[in-house]
Amino acid sequence: PIGGISNLYGIQLNAEQTFEDFKQQYKKEVDDAFDEKLKAQGGNRDVVFDRKVIMESIDLTPQSFDEVMALTHIMDLMTEGHYDRFVLD
């Protein structure tokens, strides 16, 4: 609660950190998918170049994409339905 008001909440989002967290999760999921594919093929060969290209593609995102990621966090909160109003500054 903010200022002693029991039903008023606030958060401060770090857009850069939110995006960094997303990138790490993306890279983990890509790595897991490649590992699963490799295992399904009997583990004979890894496609190192393909894995690297896909992993690094996340670094090609446009400027200010980190702010878009922060907005997706707000949208997630809205979907959860725990709050009646949202004020963005």
N, C-alpha and C. Protein backbone atom coordinates (compact mmCIF):
# COMPACT_ATOMS: atom_id res chain seq x y z
N PRO A 1 0.83 -1.21 0.00
CA PRO A 1 0.00 0.00 0.00
C PRO A 1 0.87 1.27 0.00
N ILE A 2 0.36 2.29 -0.65
CA ILE A 2 1.06 3.57 -0.74
C ILE A 2 0.43 4.56 0.23
N GLY A 3 1.27 5.25 0.96
CA GLY A 3 0.82 6.31 1.86
C GLY A 3 -0.24 5.91 2.84
N GLY A 4 -0.22 4.65 3.28
CA GLY A 4 -1.17 4.20 4.27
C GLY A 4 -2.56 3.94 3.73
N ILE A 5 -2.76 4.05 2.44
CA ILE A 5 -4.06 3.77 1.84
C ILE A 5 -4.11 2.28 1.50
N SER A 6 -5.02 1.59 2.12
CA SER A 6 -5.01 0.12 2.06
C SER A 6 -5.25 -0.46 0.67
N ASN A 7 -5.91 0.26 -0.21
CA ASN A 7 -6.20 -0.31 -1.53
C ASN A 7 -5.51 0.44 -2.68
N LEU A 8 -4.40 1.11 -2.36
CA LEU A 8 -3.63 1.82 -3.38
C LEU A 8 -2.23 1.23 -3.46
N TYR A 9 -1.89 0.70 -4.63
CA TYR A 9 -0.60 0.02 -4.81
C TYR A 9 0.17 0.68 -5.96
N GLY A 10 1.46 0.57 -5.91
CA GLY A 10 2.29 1.10 -6.97
C GLY A 10 3.49 0.21 -7.22
N ILE A 11 3.94 0.20 -8.45
CA ILE A 11 5.16 -0.53 -8.80
C ILE A 11 5.99 0.35 -9.71
N GLN A 12 7.27 0.15 -9.68
CA GLN A 12 8.17 0.82 -10.59
C GLN A 12 8.82 -0.26 -11.45
N LEU A 13 8.61 -0.17 -12.74
CA LEU A 13 9.15 -1.17 -13.64
C LEU A 13 10.49 -0.70 -14.20
N ASN A 14 11.40 -1.61 -14.29
CA ASN A 14 12.67 -1.36 -14.95
C ASN A 14 12.57 -2.00 -16.33
N ALA A 15 12.30 -1.19 -17.35
CA ALA A 15 12.06 -1.71 -18.69
C ALA A 15 13.26 -2.50 -19.20
N GLU A 16 14.45 -2.01 -18.96
CA GLU A 16 15.65 -2.70 -19.43
C GLU A 16 15.80 -4.07 -18.77
N GLN A 17 15.54 -4.14 -17.47
CA GLN A 17 15.65 -5.42 -16.77
C GLN A 17 14.56 -6.39 -17.21
N THR A 18 13.36 -5.86 -17.43
CA THR A 18 12.26 -6.70 -17.91
C THR A 18 12.62 -7.33 -19.25
N PHE A 19 13.22 -6.53 -20.14
CA PHE A 19 13.62 -7.04 -21.45
C PHE A 19 14.78 -8.03 -21.31
N GLU A 20 15.72 -7.73 -20.43
CA GLU A 20 16.85 -8.63 -20.21
C GLU A 20 16.35 -9.99 -19.70
N ASP A 21 15.40 -9.97 -18.79
CA ASP A 21 14.80 -11.21 -18.28
C ASP A 21 14.14 -12.00 -19.41
N PHE A 22 13.43 -11.27 -20.28
CA PHE A 22 12.78 -11.92 -21.43
C PHE A 22 13.82 -12.56 -22.34
N LYS A 23 14.91 -11.85 -22.61
CA LYS A 23 15.96 -12.39 -23.49
C LYS A 23 16.57 -13.65 -22.91
N GLN A 24 16.81 -13.66 -21.61
CA GLN A 24 17.39 -14.84 -20.98
C GLN A 24 16.43 -16.03 -21.07
N GLN A 25 15.14 -15.77 -20.86
CA GLN A 25 14.14 -16.84 -20.96
C GLN A 25 14.06 -17.34 -22.41
N TYR A 26 14.09 -16.43 -23.37
CA TYR A 26 14.07 -16.79 -24.79
C TYR A 26 15.25 -17.69 -25.13
N LYS A 27 16.44 -17.28 -24.71
CA LYS A 27 17.64 -18.05 -25.02
C LYS A 27 17.59 -19.44 -24.38
N LYS A 28 17.05 -19.51 -23.18
CA LYS A 28 16.93 -20.81 -22.51
C LYS A 28 15.97 -21.72 -23.28
N GLU A 29 14.85 -21.16 -23.71
CA GLU A 29 13.87 -21.96 -24.44
C GLU A 29 14.41 -22.42 -25.79
N VAL A 30 15.16 -21.55 -26.47
CA VAL A 30 15.78 -21.93 -27.74
C VAL A 30 16.79 -23.05 -27.50
N ASP A 31 17.61 -22.89 -26.48
CA ASP A 31 18.60 -23.91 -26.15
C ASP A 31 17.93 -25.24 -25.84
N ASP A 32 16.87 -25.20 -25.03
CA ASP A 32 16.14 -26.42 -24.69
C ASP A 32 15.55 -27.08 -25.94
N ALA A 33 15.00 -26.26 -26.85
CA ALA A 33 14.39 -26.81 -28.07
C ALA A 33 15.45 -27.50 -28.93
N PHE A 34 16.61 -26.87 -29.06
CA PHE A 34 17.68 -27.49 -29.83
C PHE A 34 18.17 -28.78 -29.16
N ASP A 35 18.30 -28.74 -27.84
CA ASP A 35 18.74 -29.95 -27.13
C ASP A 35 17.74 -31.09 -27.31
N GLU A 36 16.45 -30.76 -27.26
CA GLU A 36 15.41 -31.77 -27.43
C GLU A 36 15.45 -32.35 -28.85
N LYS A 37 15.63 -31.48 -29.83
CA LYS A 37 15.72 -31.93 -31.22
C LYS A 37 16.95 -32.83 -31.41
N LEU A 38 18.06 -32.43 -30.82
CA LEU A 38 19.29 -33.21 -30.91
C LEU A 38 19.10 -34.59 -30.28
N LYS A 39 18.45 -34.61 -29.13
CA LYS A 39 18.20 -35.88 -28.43
C LYS A 39 17.29 -36.78 -29.26
N ALA A 40 16.27 -36.18 -29.90
CA ALA A 40 15.34 -36.94 -30.72
C ALA A 40 16.03 -37.55 -31.93
N GLN A 41 17.11 -36.92 -32.39
CA GLN A 41 17.84 -37.42 -33.55
C GLN A 41 18.94 -38.40 -33.14
N GLY A 42 18.98 -38.73 -31.90
CA GLY A 42 19.98 -39.69 -31.44
C GLY A 42 21.28 -39.04 -31.00
N GLY A 43 21.30 -37.72 -30.97
CA GLY A 43 22.47 -37.00 -30.46
C GLY A 43 23.70 -37.06 -31.35
N ASN A 44 23.53 -37.38 -32.66
CA ASN A 44 24.72 -37.51 -33.50
C ASN A 44 25.34 -36.17 -33.88
N ARG A 45 24.55 -35.16 -34.09
CA ARG A 45 25.15 -33.90 -34.52
C ARG A 45 24.34 -32.71 -34.01
N ASP A 46 25.04 -31.67 -33.70
CA ASP A 46 24.41 -30.44 -33.25
C ASP A 46 24.51 -29.44 -34.39
N VAL A 47 23.50 -28.63 -34.54
CA VAL A 47 23.52 -27.59 -35.58
C VAL A 47 23.95 -26.28 -34.92
N VAL A 48 25.22 -26.19 -34.64
CA VAL A 48 25.79 -25.08 -33.88
C VAL A 48 25.48 -23.73 -34.51
N PHE A 49 25.65 -23.64 -35.83
CA PHE A 49 25.43 -22.36 -36.51
C PHE A 49 23.97 -21.94 -36.39
N ASP A 50 23.03 -22.85 -36.65
CA ASP A 50 21.61 -22.53 -36.56
C ASP A 50 21.24 -22.09 -35.14
N ARG A 51 21.76 -22.81 -34.18
CA ARG A 51 21.49 -22.47 -32.78
C ARG A 51 21.98 -21.05 -32.48
N LYS A 52 23.18 -20.74 -32.93
CA LYS A 52 23.78 -19.43 -32.66
C LYS A 52 22.98 -18.31 -33.34
N VAL A 53 22.57 -18.51 -34.58
CA VAL A 53 21.80 -17.50 -35.31
C VAL A 53 20.50 -17.20 -34.59
N ILE A 54 19.79 -18.24 -34.20
CA ILE A 54 18.51 -18.02 -33.53
C ILE A 54 18.71 -17.38 -32.16
N MET A 55 19.73 -17.81 -31.43
CA MET A 55 20.00 -17.23 -30.11
C MET A 55 20.33 -15.74 -30.21
N GLU A 56 21.08 -15.37 -31.23
CA GLU A 56 21.51 -13.98 -31.35
C GLU A 56 20.46 -13.09 -32.02
N SER A 57 19.44 -13.69 -32.60
CA SER A 57 18.41 -12.88 -33.26
C SER A 57 17.67 -11.97 -32.27
N ILE A 58 17.61 -12.36 -31.03
CA ILE A 58 16.93 -11.54 -30.02
C ILE A 58 17.65 -10.21 -29.82
N ASP A 59 18.95 -10.17 -30.13
CA ASP A 59 19.71 -8.93 -29.99
C ASP A 59 19.45 -7.96 -31.13
N LEU A 60 18.67 -8.35 -32.13
CA LEU A 60 18.38 -7.49 -33.27
C LEU A 60 17.07 -6.72 -33.11
N THR A 61 16.54 -6.71 -31.94
CA THR A 61 15.26 -6.03 -31.70
C THR A 61 15.43 -4.52 -31.83
N PRO A 62 14.39 -3.82 -32.25
CA PRO A 62 14.48 -2.36 -32.43
C PRO A 62 14.64 -1.63 -31.10
N GLN A 63 15.12 -0.40 -31.21
CA GLN A 63 15.25 0.43 -30.01
C GLN A 63 13.89 0.59 -29.36
N SER A 64 13.91 0.79 -28.08
CA SER A 64 12.70 0.99 -27.25
C SER A 64 11.86 -0.27 -27.11
N PHE A 65 12.33 -1.40 -27.60
CA PHE A 65 11.58 -2.64 -27.43
C PHE A 65 11.47 -3.01 -25.96
N ASP A 66 12.46 -2.59 -25.17
CA ASP A 66 12.40 -2.86 -23.73
C ASP A 66 11.16 -2.23 -23.11
N GLU A 67 10.76 -1.06 -23.62
CA GLU A 67 9.56 -0.41 -23.10
C GLU A 67 8.30 -1.18 -23.49
N VAL A 68 8.31 -1.78 -24.65
CA VAL A 68 7.19 -2.62 -25.07
C VAL A 68 7.06 -3.81 -24.12
N MET A 69 8.20 -4.37 -23.73
CA MET A 69 8.18 -5.49 -22.79
C MET A 69 7.59 -5.07 -21.44
N ALA A 70 7.92 -3.86 -21.00
CA ALA A 70 7.36 -3.37 -19.74
C ALA A 70 5.84 -3.22 -19.87
N LEU A 71 5.38 -2.77 -21.01
CA LEU A 71 3.94 -2.64 -21.22
C LEU A 71 3.26 -4.01 -21.23
N THR A 72 3.94 -5.02 -21.72
CA THR A 72 3.33 -6.36 -21.67
C THR A 72 3.16 -6.82 -20.23
N HIS A 73 4.08 -6.38 -19.36
CA HIS A 73 3.94 -6.71 -17.94
C HIS A 73 2.68 -6.04 -17.38
N ILE A 74 2.44 -4.79 -17.74
CA ILE A 74 1.23 -4.07 -17.31
C ILE A 74 -0.01 -4.80 -17.85
N MET A 75 0.04 -5.22 -19.11
CA MET A 75 -1.10 -5.93 -19.69
C MET A 75 -1.36 -7.24 -18.97
N ASP A 76 -0.30 -7.91 -18.55
CA ASP A 76 -0.48 -9.14 -17.76
C ASP A 76 -1.21 -8.84 -16.45
N LEU A 77 -0.81 -7.75 -15.79
CA LEU A 77 -1.48 -7.35 -14.55
C LEU A 77 -2.95 -7.03 -14.80
N MET A 78 -3.23 -6.38 -15.92
CA MET A 78 -4.63 -6.05 -16.24
C MET A 78 -5.45 -7.33 -16.46
N THR A 79 -4.86 -8.30 -17.12
CA THR A 79 -5.54 -9.56 -17.40
C THR A 79 -5.85 -10.33 -16.13
N GLU A 80 -4.95 -10.23 -15.15
CA GLU A 80 -5.16 -10.93 -13.89
C GLU A 80 -6.40 -10.41 -13.16
N GLY A 81 -6.76 -9.15 -13.37
CA GLY A 81 -7.99 -8.59 -12.82
C GLY A 81 -7.98 -8.24 -11.34
N HIS A 82 -6.79 -8.10 -10.74
CA HIS A 82 -6.72 -7.78 -9.31
C HIS A 82 -6.87 -6.29 -9.03
N TYR A 83 -6.75 -5.46 -10.06
CA TYR A 83 -6.76 -4.00 -9.87
C TYR A 83 -7.82 -3.38 -10.77
N ASP A 84 -8.44 -2.31 -10.27
CA ASP A 84 -9.50 -1.63 -11.02
C ASP A 84 -8.98 -0.55 -11.96
N ARG A 85 -7.91 0.15 -11.57
CA ARG A 85 -7.38 1.28 -12.34
C ARG A 85 -5.87 1.16 -12.47
N PHE A 86 -5.38 1.65 -13.59
CA PHE A 86 -3.93 1.71 -13.83
C PHE A 86 -3.56 3.12 -14.24
N VAL A 87 -2.53 3.64 -13.63
CA VAL A 87 -2.03 4.96 -13.97
C VAL A 87 -0.56 4.79 -14.35
N LEU A 88 -0.22 5.20 -15.59
CA LEU A 88 1.15 5.08 -16.07
C LEU A 88 1.77 6.46 -16.17
N ASP A 89 3.00 6.55 -15.74
CA ASP A 89 3.71 7.83 -15.81
C ASP A 89 5.03 7.62 -16.53
